[in-house]
């Protein structure tokens, strides 16, 4: 409505602050969303009137004056019933580069910090902060209209939506920093939104693939840390504690998506997760199939993180020496510099090869880079065992 991202955020924050005072005294209004929007809009108009180019800005802000203030509720023909999903589709504007629209949506609507988003994209926090500022400036300077898109325009925004939900779930499933490895609230919200997306777009196989991926991972969320909050490796997890219903639902979703004959990166990742989730025991995991799936995934979306995961799968299928060669190639490329899982993987492979001194050095390197307490405790334990 304002055409200015920062102004919109400030006025919305002011509206919520006002609500905390007014609602406590007068009660929650019948339509709290309309109340908040009206207060924020009025605050924006006040700010614009005080601006230097008052007349021009007020003409631009004419859209801020709905005719039915008390019950104002801007309608749309998107068919999206979930408020947050509707806002996310609105934020994933195709006029912005994919990374910018995803980052801006995560920052504004998903509650992730700039540091968390930066770690998701494997860039420094300062770099991500600059990208967010540039995206906001482009919205303002280019006059990009942020409106809820009609149903026929949703497909051009779907790739951004899928990426937003994927990264939101990832931050919940494996937190990028902090005391807790798992943030259950983020996982639950990502799954809820993914379900809403599948309901909205039942013919989109990648939406179903993403939901399947989330469910197959979430099925073992409770077993990923022990009672002390320490990390439990996949092969050591108690599989009787995995949520069988989520696994069954995830597999069914994946099979239905694959039958459409349009495999994509989320479906491939779900297939990898299914290999883990359906193995009766760790020794029964089909690592050769997982390695093949990672190779297919790397062709669709080339990524050093995918190559690192493929190296682990090859190490499990063909031995640690084969995986270590791929890790060395990745390290030489410099693509994963500062990513703690690269030295952590190298350390584990060196340990399995009996090269304890080199493994200990790699564990130390990984320990310096790890940001969550659970991962740091795990790496410290491995270092103590290896050095000993």
Protein backbone atom coordinates (compact mmCIF):
# COMPACT_ATOMS: atom_id res chain seq x y z
CA UNK A 1 0.00 0.00 0.00
CA UNK A 2 2.78 2.47 0.83
CA UNK A 3 5.22 1.36 -1.85
CA UNK A 4 7.92 1.65 0.82
CA UNK A 5 8.95 -1.53 2.62
CA UNK A 6 10.59 0.12 5.63
CA UNK A 7 7.68 2.51 6.13
CA UNK A 8 5.23 -0.40 5.97
CA UNK A 9 7.19 -2.36 8.59
CA UNK A 10 7.45 0.62 10.94
CA UNK A 11 3.76 1.49 10.69
CA UNK A 12 2.73 -2.13 11.21
CA UNK A 13 4.92 -2.34 14.30
CA UNK A 14 3.33 0.87 15.57
CA UNK A 15 -0.12 -0.63 15.03
CA UNK A 16 0.72 -3.73 17.08
CA UNK A 17 2.18 -1.54 19.84
CA UNK A 18 -1.04 0.48 19.86
CA UNK A 19 -3.11 -2.71 19.97
CA UNK A 20 -1.31 -3.88 23.10
CA UNK A 21 -2.46 -0.73 24.87
CA UNK A 22 -5.93 -0.27 23.39
CA UNK A 23 -7.11 -3.87 23.36
CA UNK A 24 -6.10 -4.39 26.97
CA UNK A 25 -8.35 -1.48 27.86
CA UNK A 26 -11.23 -1.84 25.40
CA UNK A 27 -11.09 -5.51 24.43
CA UNK A 28 -10.13 -7.21 21.18
CA UNK A 29 -12.17 -5.81 18.25
CA UNK A 30 -14.44 -8.03 16.20
CA UNK A 31 -12.09 -7.84 13.23
CA UNK A 32 -8.60 -7.43 14.67
CA UNK A 33 -6.90 -7.70 11.27
CA UNK A 34 -8.94 -4.82 9.87
CA UNK A 35 -8.28 -2.78 13.04
CA UNK A 36 -4.52 -3.28 12.72
CA UNK A 37 -4.54 -2.48 9.02
CA UNK A 38 -6.55 0.71 9.54
CA UNK A 39 -4.27 1.96 12.34
CA UNK A 40 -1.15 1.14 10.31
CA UNK A 41 -2.62 2.84 7.24
CA UNK A 42 -3.46 5.98 9.21
CA UNK A 43 0.03 6.06 10.67
CA UNK A 44 1.46 5.75 7.15
CA UNK A 45 -0.69 8.62 5.92
CA UNK A 46 0.53 10.77 8.80
CA UNK A 47 4.13 9.98 7.93
CA UNK A 48 3.57 10.68 4.25
CA UNK A 49 1.91 14.03 4.99
CA UNK A 50 5.04 15.05 6.89
CA UNK A 51 7.26 14.06 3.96
CA UNK A 52 8.99 16.48 1.63
CA UNK A 53 7.03 15.59 -1.51
CA UNK A 54 3.69 15.66 0.27
CA UNK A 55 1.39 16.15 -2.69
CA UNK A 56 3.01 13.49 -4.88
CA UNK A 57 3.17 10.93 -2.09
CA UNK A 58 -0.41 11.51 -1.07
CA UNK A 59 -1.56 10.90 -4.64
CA UNK A 60 0.47 7.67 -4.64
CA UNK A 61 -1.13 6.75 -1.32
CA UNK A 62 -4.70 7.22 -2.52
CA UNK A 63 -5.07 3.45 -2.49
CA UNK A 64 -4.71 3.64 1.30
CA UNK A 65 -8.24 5.00 1.68
CA UNK A 66 -10.74 2.12 1.72
CA UNK A 67 -14.39 3.09 1.65
CA UNK A 68 -15.49 0.85 4.49
CA UNK A 69 -13.07 1.56 7.33
CA UNK A 70 -14.67 -0.28 10.27
CA UNK A 71 -14.91 -3.60 8.50
CA UNK A 72 -12.37 -3.14 5.79
CA UNK A 73 -10.95 -6.40 4.46
CA UNK A 74 -9.24 -6.27 1.06
CA UNK A 75 -10.52 -9.18 -1.00
CA UNK A 76 -8.67 -11.15 -3.62
CA UNK A 77 -9.28 -13.83 -6.21
CA UNK A 78 -6.26 -15.95 -5.36
CA UNK A 79 -8.28 -18.76 -3.79
CA UNK A 80 -5.76 -18.88 -0.91
CA UNK A 81 -7.60 -19.29 2.38
CA UNK A 82 -4.57 -19.28 4.69
CA UNK A 83 -3.54 -15.73 5.65
CA UNK A 84 0.17 -16.41 5.99
CA UNK A 85 0.33 -18.41 2.77
CA UNK A 86 -1.43 -15.55 0.98
CA UNK A 87 1.12 -13.06 2.33
CA UNK A 88 4.00 -15.31 1.34
CA UNK A 89 2.73 -15.62 -2.22
CA UNK A 90 2.41 -11.83 -2.27
CA UNK A 91 5.98 -11.41 -1.01
CA UNK A 92 7.45 -13.89 -3.54
CA UNK A 93 7.19 -11.29 -6.31
CA UNK A 94 8.65 -12.47 -9.65
CA UNK A 95 10.12 -9.02 -10.33
CA UNK A 96 12.80 -9.82 -7.75
CA UNK A 97 15.55 -12.43 -8.23
CA UNK A 98 14.60 -15.77 -6.67
CA UNK A 99 17.12 -15.54 -3.84
CA UNK A 100 16.02 -11.99 -2.97
CA UNK A 101 12.31 -12.82 -2.85
CA UNK A 102 12.95 -15.94 -0.76
CA UNK A 103 15.22 -14.09 1.68
CA UNK A 104 12.81 -11.17 2.01
CA UNK A 105 9.88 -13.51 2.67
CA UNK A 106 11.82 -15.46 5.29
CA UNK A 107 12.87 -12.25 7.02
CA UNK A 108 9.50 -10.52 6.93
CA UNK A 109 6.92 -13.30 7.25
CA UNK A 110 8.70 -16.34 8.69
CA UNK A 111 10.50 -14.58 11.53
CA UNK A 112 14.00 -15.76 10.62
CA UNK A 113 16.86 -13.42 11.45
CA UNK A 114 19.24 -12.07 8.85
CA UNK A 115 21.99 -14.26 10.33
CA UNK A 116 19.84 -17.40 10.01
CA UNK A 117 18.96 -16.59 6.41
CA UNK A 118 22.61 -15.90 5.61
CA UNK A 119 23.62 -19.31 6.96
CA UNK A 120 20.89 -20.95 4.86
CA UNK A 121 22.39 -19.36 1.74
CA UNK A 122 25.99 -19.96 2.89
CA UNK A 123 26.93 -16.27 2.74
CA UNK A 124 28.19 -13.83 5.40
CA UNK A 125 25.52 -12.02 7.42
CA UNK A 126 26.68 -8.64 6.11
CA UNK A 127 26.25 -9.86 2.53
CA UNK A 128 22.70 -11.00 3.19
CA UNK A 129 21.86 -7.73 4.96
CA UNK A 130 22.98 -5.81 1.86
CA UNK A 131 20.91 -8.05 -0.40
CA UNK A 132 17.81 -7.45 1.70
CA UNK A 133 18.35 -3.70 1.58
CA UNK A 134 18.84 -3.82 -2.20
CA UNK A 135 15.63 -5.82 -2.60
CA UNK A 136 13.66 -3.25 -0.58
CA UNK A 137 15.15 -0.41 -2.59
CA UNK A 138 14.25 -2.12 -5.85
CA UNK A 139 10.65 -2.54 -4.68
CA UNK A 140 10.48 1.16 -3.85
CA UNK A 141 12.40 2.59 -6.80
CA UNK A 142 10.80 0.38 -9.44
CA UNK A 143 7.34 0.86 -8.00
CA UNK A 144 6.74 -2.88 -7.76
CA UNK A 145 3.11 -3.35 -6.78
CA UNK A 146 2.70 -5.77 -3.91
CA UNK A 147 -0.78 -7.22 -4.27
CA UNK A 148 -2.18 -10.67 -3.57
CA UNK A 149 -1.74 -12.42 -6.95
CA UNK A 150 -4.82 -13.87 -8.68
CA UNK A 151 -4.99 -17.65 -9.03
CA UNK A 152 -3.68 -17.73 -12.61
CA UNK A 153 -0.44 -15.96 -11.53
CA UNK A 154 0.35 -18.29 -8.63
CA UNK A 155 2.45 -20.75 -10.71
CA UNK A 156 5.10 -18.10 -11.48
CA UNK A 157 5.58 -17.65 -7.73
CA UNK A 158 5.52 -21.32 -6.76
CA UNK A 159 9.28 -21.89 -6.96
CA UNK A 160 9.83 -19.09 -4.47
CA UNK A 161 7.12 -20.39 -2.17
CA UNK A 162 8.60 -23.90 -2.17
CA UNK A 163 12.05 -22.52 -1.36
CA UNK A 164 10.66 -20.42 1.50
CA UNK A 165 8.91 -23.38 3.11
CA UNK A 166 11.90 -25.65 2.53
CA UNK A 167 14.32 -23.28 4.24
CA UNK A 168 11.84 -22.56 7.03
CA UNK A 169 11.59 -26.28 7.78
CA UNK A 170 15.36 -26.71 7.55
CA UNK A 171 15.94 -24.00 10.16
CA UNK A 172 13.50 -25.79 12.44
CA UNK A 173 14.87 -29.28 11.81
CA UNK A 174 18.54 -28.33 12.15
CA UNK A 175 18.89 -24.89 13.71
CA UNK A 176 21.76 -22.82 12.33
CA UNK A 177 22.77 -21.55 15.77
CA UNK A 178 21.75 -21.50 19.42
CA UNK A 179 21.17 -23.89 22.29
CA UNK A 180 18.65 -26.17 20.57
CA UNK A 181 19.39 -28.32 17.53
CA UNK A 182 15.68 -28.70 16.74
CA UNK A 183 13.04 -25.92 16.77
CA UNK A 184 9.78 -27.83 16.72
CA UNK A 185 7.59 -24.77 16.26
CA UNK A 186 9.22 -23.89 12.94
CA UNK A 187 8.91 -27.49 11.73
CA UNK A 188 5.22 -27.58 12.61
CA UNK A 189 4.49 -24.25 10.91
CA UNK A 190 6.36 -25.25 7.75
CA UNK A 191 4.41 -28.52 7.57
CA UNK A 192 1.12 -26.69 8.14
CA UNK A 193 1.86 -24.26 5.34
CA UNK A 194 3.03 -27.06 3.04
CA UNK A 195 -0.26 -28.89 3.62
CA UNK A 196 -2.14 -25.71 2.73
CA UNK A 197 -0.04 -25.36 -0.42
CA UNK A 198 -0.75 -28.96 -1.50
CA UNK A 199 -4.45 -28.35 -0.94
CA UNK A 200 -4.26 -25.15 -3.00
CA UNK A 201 -2.21 -26.74 -5.80
CA UNK A 202 -3.08 -30.47 -5.86
CA UNK A 203 -1.64 -30.93 -9.37
CA UNK A 204 1.82 -29.56 -8.46
CA UNK A 205 4.05 -32.62 -7.80
CA UNK A 206 6.86 -30.57 -6.26
CA UNK A 207 4.50 -29.23 -3.58
CA UNK A 208 3.57 -32.80 -2.68
CA UNK A 209 7.24 -33.79 -2.84
CA UNK A 210 8.18 -31.02 -0.43
CA UNK A 211 5.46 -32.01 2.05
CA UNK A 212 6.57 -35.64 1.76
CA UNK A 213 10.17 -34.60 2.46
CA UNK A 214 9.11 -32.66 5.55
CA UNK A 215 7.00 -35.52 6.93
CA UNK A 216 9.71 -38.13 6.36
CA UNK A 217 12.26 -35.99 8.20
CA UNK A 218 9.85 -34.87 10.91
CA UNK A 219 9.00 -38.52 11.61
CA UNK A 220 12.35 -38.95 13.34
CA UNK A 221 12.66 -35.49 14.86
CA UNK A 222 12.04 -36.72 18.43
CA UNK A 223 14.95 -39.18 18.25
CA UNK A 224 17.58 -36.77 16.89
CA UNK A 225 18.59 -35.59 20.37
CA UNK A 226 18.66 -37.48 23.65
CA UNK A 227 17.29 -36.46 27.02
CA UNK A 228 20.31 -34.23 27.63
CA UNK A 229 19.84 -32.46 24.31
CA UNK A 230 22.85 -34.15 22.73
CA UNK A 231 22.93 -35.08 19.05
CA UNK A 232 22.12 -38.71 18.18
CA UNK A 233 23.49 -39.93 14.84
CA UNK A 234 21.03 -41.42 12.36
CA UNK A 235 22.47 -44.92 12.69
CA UNK A 236 22.13 -44.74 16.48
CA UNK A 237 18.56 -43.46 16.62
CA UNK A 238 15.83 -45.62 18.15
CA UNK A 239 13.71 -46.40 15.11
CA UNK A 240 10.83 -47.57 17.28
CA UNK A 241 10.48 -43.92 18.27
CA UNK A 242 9.95 -42.77 14.68
CA UNK A 243 6.45 -41.61 13.78
CA UNK A 244 5.17 -44.39 11.51
CA UNK A 245 2.08 -42.43 10.47
CA UNK A 246 4.19 -39.55 9.19
CA UNK A 247 6.41 -42.00 7.32
CA UNK A 248 3.41 -43.72 5.72
CA UNK A 249 1.87 -40.36 4.77
CA UNK A 250 5.16 -39.12 3.36
CA UNK A 251 5.72 -42.24 1.25
CA UNK A 252 2.14 -42.09 -0.08
CA UNK A 253 2.54 -38.43 -1.03
CA UNK A 254 5.86 -39.13 -2.73
CA UNK A 255 4.52 -42.06 -4.73
CA UNK A 256 1.53 -40.01 -5.90
CA UNK A 257 3.83 -37.14 -6.93
CA UNK A 258 6.23 -39.40 -8.83
CA UNK A 259 3.35 -40.97 -10.77
CA UNK A 260 2.83 -37.59 -12.44
CA UNK A 261 6.09 -38.10 -14.29
CA UNK A 262 7.58 -34.69 -13.47
CA UNK A 263 10.35 -35.42 -10.97
CA UNK A 264 11.96 -32.41 -9.34
CA UNK A 265 14.48 -31.64 -6.60
CA UNK A 266 12.00 -31.88 -3.73
CA UNK A 267 10.71 -35.23 -4.92
CA UNK A 268 14.28 -36.53 -5.23
CA UNK A 269 15.12 -35.34 -1.73
CA UNK A 270 11.95 -36.99 -0.45
CA UNK A 271 13.01 -40.23 -2.15
CA UNK A 272 16.35 -40.03 -0.33
CA UNK A 273 14.55 -39.42 2.97
CA UNK A 274 12.29 -42.39 2.24
CA UNK A 275 15.33 -44.65 1.82
CA UNK A 276 16.33 -43.77 5.38
CA UNK A 277 12.86 -43.79 6.89
CA UNK A 278 11.78 -47.15 5.49
CA UNK A 279 14.96 -49.07 6.34
CA UNK A 280 14.20 -51.45 9.20
CA UNK A 281 17.69 -50.91 10.61
CA UNK A 282 20.69 -48.78 9.77
CA UNK A 283 22.51 -51.68 8.13
CA UNK A 284 19.61 -52.17 5.70
CA UNK A 285 19.91 -48.64 4.26
CA UNK A 286 20.38 -48.72 0.48
CA UNK A 287 23.31 -46.32 0.28
CA UNK A 288 24.01 -47.11 -3.37
CA UNK A 289 20.49 -45.97 -4.27
CA UNK A 290 20.92 -42.85 -2.14
CA UNK A 291 24.16 -42.04 -3.97
CA UNK A 292 22.39 -42.41 -7.33
CA UNK A 293 19.57 -40.13 -6.17
CA UNK A 294 22.07 -37.49 -5.04
CA UNK A 295 23.75 -37.68 -8.47
CA UNK A 296 20.37 -37.05 -10.14
CA UNK A 297 19.69 -34.21 -7.72
CA UNK A 298 23.06 -32.62 -8.48
CA UNK A 299 22.21 -32.59 -12.19
CA UNK A 300 18.94 -30.75 -11.53
CA UNK A 301 20.26 -28.26 -8.96
CA UNK A 302 24.07 -28.16 -8.87
CA UNK A 303 25.14 -27.43 -5.30
CA UNK A 304 28.27 -28.08 -3.24
CA UNK A 305 26.09 -29.15 -0.30
CA UNK A 306 24.44 -31.81 -2.46
CA UNK A 307 27.90 -32.97 -3.57
CA UNK A 308 28.97 -33.23 0.06
CA UNK A 309 25.93 -35.37 0.83
CA UNK A 310 26.69 -37.52 -2.22
CA UNK A 311 30.23 -37.99 -0.93
CA UNK A 312 28.84 -39.31 2.36
CA UNK A 313 26.54 -41.73 0.53
CA UNK A 314 29.39 -42.97 -1.67
CA UNK A 315 31.56 -43.41 1.42
CA UNK A 316 28.84 -45.56 2.98
CA UNK A 317 28.35 -47.58 -0.21
CA UNK A 318 31.94 -47.92 -1.48
CA UNK A 319 34.09 -47.16 1.54
CA UNK A 320 35.47 -44.04 3.24
CA UNK A 321 38.40 -43.64 0.84
CA UNK A 322 36.03 -43.12 -2.12
CA UNK A 323 34.08 -40.50 -0.19
CA UNK A 324 37.22 -38.77 1.06
CA UNK A 325 38.40 -38.17 -2.51
CA UNK A 326 35.16 -36.33 -3.31
CA UNK A 327 35.45 -34.30 -0.10
CA UNK A 328 39.01 -33.30 -1.06
CA UNK A 329 37.76 -32.12 -4.46
CA UNK A 330 35.05 -30.04 -2.79
CA UNK A 331 37.56 -28.53 -0.41
CA UNK A 332 39.87 -27.61 -3.28
CA UNK A 333 37.01 -25.77 -5.00
CA UNK A 334 36.54 -23.49 -1.99
CA UNK A 335 32.76 -23.59 -2.44
CA UNK A 336 32.10 -24.69 1.14
CA UNK A 337 34.67 -22.58 2.94
CA UNK A 338 33.42 -21.90 6.47
CA UNK A 339 30.76 -24.65 6.32
CA UNK A 340 31.31 -26.78 9.42
CA UNK A 341 29.94 -29.99 7.90
CA UNK A 342 32.78 -30.14 5.39
CA UNK A 343 35.58 -30.63 7.97
CA UNK A 344 33.17 -32.69 10.11
CA UNK A 345 32.63 -35.10 7.21
CA UNK A 346 36.34 -35.19 6.43
CA UNK A 347 37.06 -35.93 10.09
CA UNK A 348 34.61 -38.83 10.20
CA UNK A 349 36.02 -40.41 7.04
CA UNK A 350 39.60 -40.02 8.27
CA UNK A 351 38.59 -41.58 11.59
CA UNK A 352 37.08 -44.56 9.79
CA UNK A 353 40.30 -44.94 7.81
CA UNK A 354 42.33 -45.04 11.04
CA UNK A 355 44.06 -41.71 10.40
CA UNK A 356 43.43 -40.43 13.93
CA UNK A 357 45.78 -37.45 14.03
CA UNK A 358 44.38 -35.98 10.79
CA UNK A 359 40.84 -36.71 11.97
CA UNK A 360 41.48 -34.86 15.23
CA UNK A 361 42.68 -31.79 13.32
CA UNK A 362 39.54 -31.86 11.20
CA UNK A 363 37.30 -32.22 14.25
CA UNK A 364 38.99 -29.15 15.75
CA UNK A 365 38.33 -27.20 12.55
CA UNK A 366 34.67 -28.26 12.52
CA UNK A 367 34.31 -27.41 16.20
CA UNK A 368 35.48 -23.85 15.57
CA UNK A 369 32.85 -23.40 12.85
CA UNK A 370 29.83 -25.14 14.43
CA UNK A 371 27.16 -22.77 15.75
CA UNK A 372 24.72 -24.94 17.72
CA UNK A 373 25.50 -26.20 21.20
CA UNK A 374 24.37 -29.76 20.38
CA UNK A 375 26.68 -30.02 17.37
CA UNK A 376 29.57 -28.53 19.31
CA UNK A 377 29.13 -31.07 22.11
CA UNK A 378 29.00 -33.90 19.58
CA UNK A 379 32.15 -32.74 17.79
CA UNK A 380 33.97 -32.18 21.08
CA UNK A 381 33.12 -35.74 22.10
CA UNK A 382 34.39 -37.10 18.79
CA UNK A 383 37.57 -35.05 19.14
CA UNK A 384 38.19 -36.41 22.63
CA UNK A 385 37.70 -40.00 21.42
CA UNK A 386 39.94 -39.52 18.38
CA UNK A 387 42.70 -37.60 20.15
CA UNK A 388 42.66 -40.16 22.93
